[in-house]
Amino acid sequence: MITLKQLQQILPNARAQAGVFILALNAAMLHRHITGPKRMAAFIAQVGHESGELRYVRELGGEHYLSKYDTGAWLHAWATLPTPTVTARSTGAAA
């Protein structure tokens, strides 16, 4: 498992957004048996790269960009998801 402090050190530009994702990242790593330090580092690095250090939760490209990829049902399912909001509770900050 990775702690919030560790995630913020690894992805410093994530800042408070790290608190929104820490539980989901730990659950995903556990579910996929990503338990060793090297695999955890690779997973977190990839997530950080693909999400702009947890700033983006959906693909940024427009229709022209996305038409190059077979996104199919994935595009429609993810395009309608709300962007996570940061709350004092999710970051561990005092309210």
C-alpha atoms as a PDB file:
ATOM      1  CA  MET A   1       0.000   0.000   0.000  1.00  0.00           C
ATOM      2  CA  ILE A   2       1.003   3.565  -0.610  1.00  0.00           C
ATOM      3  CA  THR A   3       0.269   6.381   1.806  1.00  0.00           C
ATOM      4  CA  LEU A   4      -1.080   9.808   0.936  1.00  0.00           C
ATOM      5  CA  LYS A   5       2.227  11.391   1.946  1.00  0.00           C
ATOM      6  CA  GLN A   6       4.160   9.002  -0.325  1.00  0.00           C
ATOM      7  CA  LEU A   7       1.833   9.687  -3.244  1.00  0.00           C
ATOM      8  CA  GLN A   8       2.235  13.434  -2.783  1.00  0.00           C
ATOM      9  CA  GLN A   9       6.028  13.012  -2.747  1.00  0.00           C
ATOM     10  CA  ILE A  10       5.954  10.910  -5.914  1.00  0.00           C
ATOM     11  CA  LEU A  11       3.464  13.167  -7.719  1.00  0.00           C
ATOM     12  CA  PRO A  12       4.103  16.597  -6.156  1.00  0.00           C
ATOM     13  CA  ASN A  13       1.888  18.448  -8.635  1.00  0.00           C
ATOM     14  CA  ALA A  14      -1.097  16.321  -7.592  1.00  0.00           C
ATOM     15  CA  ARG A  15      -1.313  18.240  -4.307  1.00  0.00           C
ATOM     16  CA  ALA A  16      -4.780  17.814  -2.723  1.00  0.00           C
ATOM     17  CA  GLN A  17      -6.044  15.710  -5.661  1.00  0.00           C
ATOM     18  CA  ALA A  18      -3.913  12.854  -4.336  1.00  0.00           C
ATOM     19  CA  GLY A  19      -6.377  12.429  -1.477  1.00  0.00           C
ATOM     20  CA  VAL A  20      -9.199  11.803  -3.927  1.00  0.00           C
ATOM     21  CA  PHE A  21      -7.388   8.897  -5.567  1.00  0.00           C
ATOM     22  CA  ILE A  22      -5.385   7.208  -2.814  1.00  0.00           C
ATOM     23  CA  LEU A  23      -8.032   4.620  -1.892  1.00  0.00           C
ATOM     24  CA  ALA A  24      -8.749   3.755  -5.533  1.00  0.00           C
ATOM     25  CA  LEU A  25      -5.051   3.418  -6.375  1.00  0.00           C
ATOM     26  CA  ASN A  26      -4.440   1.119  -3.407  1.00  0.00           C
ATOM     27  CA  ALA A  27      -7.509  -0.960  -4.271  1.00  0.00           C
ATOM     28  CA  ALA A  28      -6.410  -1.272  -7.909  1.00  0.00           C
ATOM     29  CA  MET A  29      -2.913  -2.347  -6.903  1.00  0.00           C
ATOM     30  CA  LEU A  30      -4.273  -4.911  -4.478  1.00  0.00           C
ATOM     31  CA  HIS A  31      -6.783  -6.234  -7.027  1.00  0.00           C
ATOM     32  CA  ARG A  32      -4.075  -6.656  -9.698  1.00  0.00           C
ATOM     33  CA  HIS A  33      -1.467  -7.991  -7.265  1.00  0.00           C
ATOM     34  CA  ILE A  34       0.821  -4.993  -7.704  1.00  0.00           C
ATOM     35  CA  THR A  35       2.611  -5.466  -4.403  1.00  0.00           C
ATOM     36  CA  GLY A  36       6.353  -5.273  -5.007  1.00  0.00           C
ATOM     37  CA  PRO A  37       8.126  -1.921  -4.858  1.00  0.00           C
ATOM     38  CA  LYS A  38       9.180  -1.978  -8.528  1.00  0.00           C
ATOM     39  CA  ARG A  39       5.707  -2.836  -9.791  1.00  0.00           C
ATOM     40  CA  MET A  40       4.118  -0.238  -7.517  1.00  0.00           C
ATOM     41  CA  ALA A  41       6.591   2.389  -8.727  1.00  0.00           C
ATOM     42  CA  ALA A  42       5.898   1.538 -12.364  1.00  0.00           C
ATOM     43  CA  PHE A  43       2.133   1.617 -11.833  1.00  0.00           C
ATOM     44  CA  ILE A  44       2.139   4.956  -9.987  1.00  0.00           C
ATOM     45  CA  ALA A  45       4.539   6.451 -12.552  1.00  0.00           C
ATOM     46  CA  GLN A  46       2.258   5.383 -15.412  1.00  0.00           C
ATOM     47  CA  VAL A  47      -0.868   6.682 -13.674  1.00  0.00           C
ATOM     48  CA  GLY A  48       0.918   9.951 -12.964  1.00  0.00           C
ATOM     49  CA  HIS A  49       2.054  10.307 -16.549  1.00  0.00           C
ATOM     50  CA  GLU A  50      -1.295   9.454 -18.114  1.00  0.00           C
ATOM     51  CA  SER A  51      -3.256  11.723 -15.777  1.00  0.00           C
ATOM     52  CA  GLY A  52      -0.960  14.739 -15.649  1.00  0.00           C
ATOM     53  CA  GLU A  53      -0.203  13.929 -12.007  1.00  0.00           C
ATOM     54  CA  LEU A  54      -3.867  13.230 -11.221  1.00  0.00           C
ATOM     55  CA  ARG A  55      -5.200  16.414 -12.842  1.00  0.00           C
ATOM     56  CA  TYR A  56      -7.134  14.704 -15.648  1.00  0.00           C
ATOM     57  CA  VAL A  57      -9.557  11.793 -15.407  1.00  0.00           C
ATOM     58  CA  ARG A  58     -10.659  11.636 -19.031  1.00  0.00           C
ATOM     59  CA  GLU A  59      -8.934  11.729 -22.386  1.00  0.00           C
ATOM     60  CA  LEU A  60      -8.277  15.309 -23.475  1.00  0.00           C
ATOM     61  CA  GLY A  61      -8.318  14.777 -27.219  1.00  0.00           C
ATOM     62  CA  GLY A  62     -11.204  15.908 -29.360  1.00  0.00           C
ATOM     63  CA  GLU A  63     -13.180  13.830 -31.851  1.00  0.00           C
ATOM     64  CA  HIS A  64     -10.389  13.941 -34.455  1.00  0.00           C
ATOM     65  CA  TYR A  65      -7.805  12.681 -31.946  1.00  0.00           C
ATOM     66  CA  LEU A  66     -10.063   9.997 -30.481  1.00  0.00           C
ATOM     67  CA  SER A  67     -11.146   8.738 -33.905  1.00  0.00           C
ATOM     68  CA  LYS A  68      -7.639   7.261 -34.283  1.00  0.00           C
ATOM     69  CA  TYR A  69      -8.330   4.842 -31.436  1.00  0.00           C
ATOM     70  CA  ASP A  70     -10.938   2.133 -31.003  1.00  0.00           C
ATOM     71  CA  THR A  71     -12.459   3.559 -27.847  1.00  0.00           C
ATOM     72  CA  GLY A  72     -15.924   2.174 -28.553  1.00  0.00           C
ATOM     73  CA  ALA A  73     -18.138   1.917 -25.484  1.00  0.00           C
ATOM     74  CA  TRP A  74     -15.265   3.105 -23.279  1.00  0.00           C
ATOM     75  CA  LEU A  75     -15.441   6.619 -24.714  1.00  0.00           C
ATOM     76  CA  HIS A  76     -19.168   6.948 -24.124  1.00  0.00           C
ATOM     77  CA  ALA A  77     -19.004   5.535 -20.602  1.00  0.00           C
ATOM     78  CA  TRP A  78     -16.091   7.694 -19.459  1.00  0.00           C
ATOM     79  CA  ALA A  79     -17.083  10.876 -21.265  1.00  0.00           C
ATOM     80  CA  THR A  80     -20.094  11.295 -18.979  1.00  0.00           C
ATOM     81  CA  LEU A  81     -18.324  10.765 -15.647  1.00  0.00           C
ATOM     82  CA  PRO A  82     -18.127  13.807 -13.397  1.00  0.00           C
ATOM     83  CA  THR A  83     -14.737  15.173 -12.456  1.00  0.00           C
ATOM     84  CA  PRO A  84     -13.867  14.258  -8.851  1.00  0.00           C
ATOM     85  CA  THR A  85     -14.022  17.126  -6.391  1.00  0.00           C
ATOM     86  CA  VAL A  86     -11.585  17.658  -3.581  1.00  0.00           C
ATOM     87  CA  THR A  87     -13.049  17.927  -0.108  1.00  0.00           C
ATOM     88  CA  ALA A  88     -11.437  18.423   3.260  1.00  0.00           C
ATOM     89  CA  ARG A  89     -12.470  14.907   4.199  1.00  0.00           C
ATOM     90  CA  SER A  90     -10.914  13.265   1.096  1.00  0.00           C
ATOM     91  CA  THR A  91      -7.577  15.033   1.652  1.00  0.00           C
ATOM     92  CA  GLY A  92      -7.399  14.426   5.370  1.00  0.00           C
ATOM     93  CA  ALA A  93      -7.425  18.192   6.030  1.00  0.00           C
ATOM     94  CA  ALA A  94      -9.378  19.648   8.881  1.00  0.00           C
ATOM     95  CA  ALA A  95     -12.801  20.936   7.892  1.00  0.00           C
END
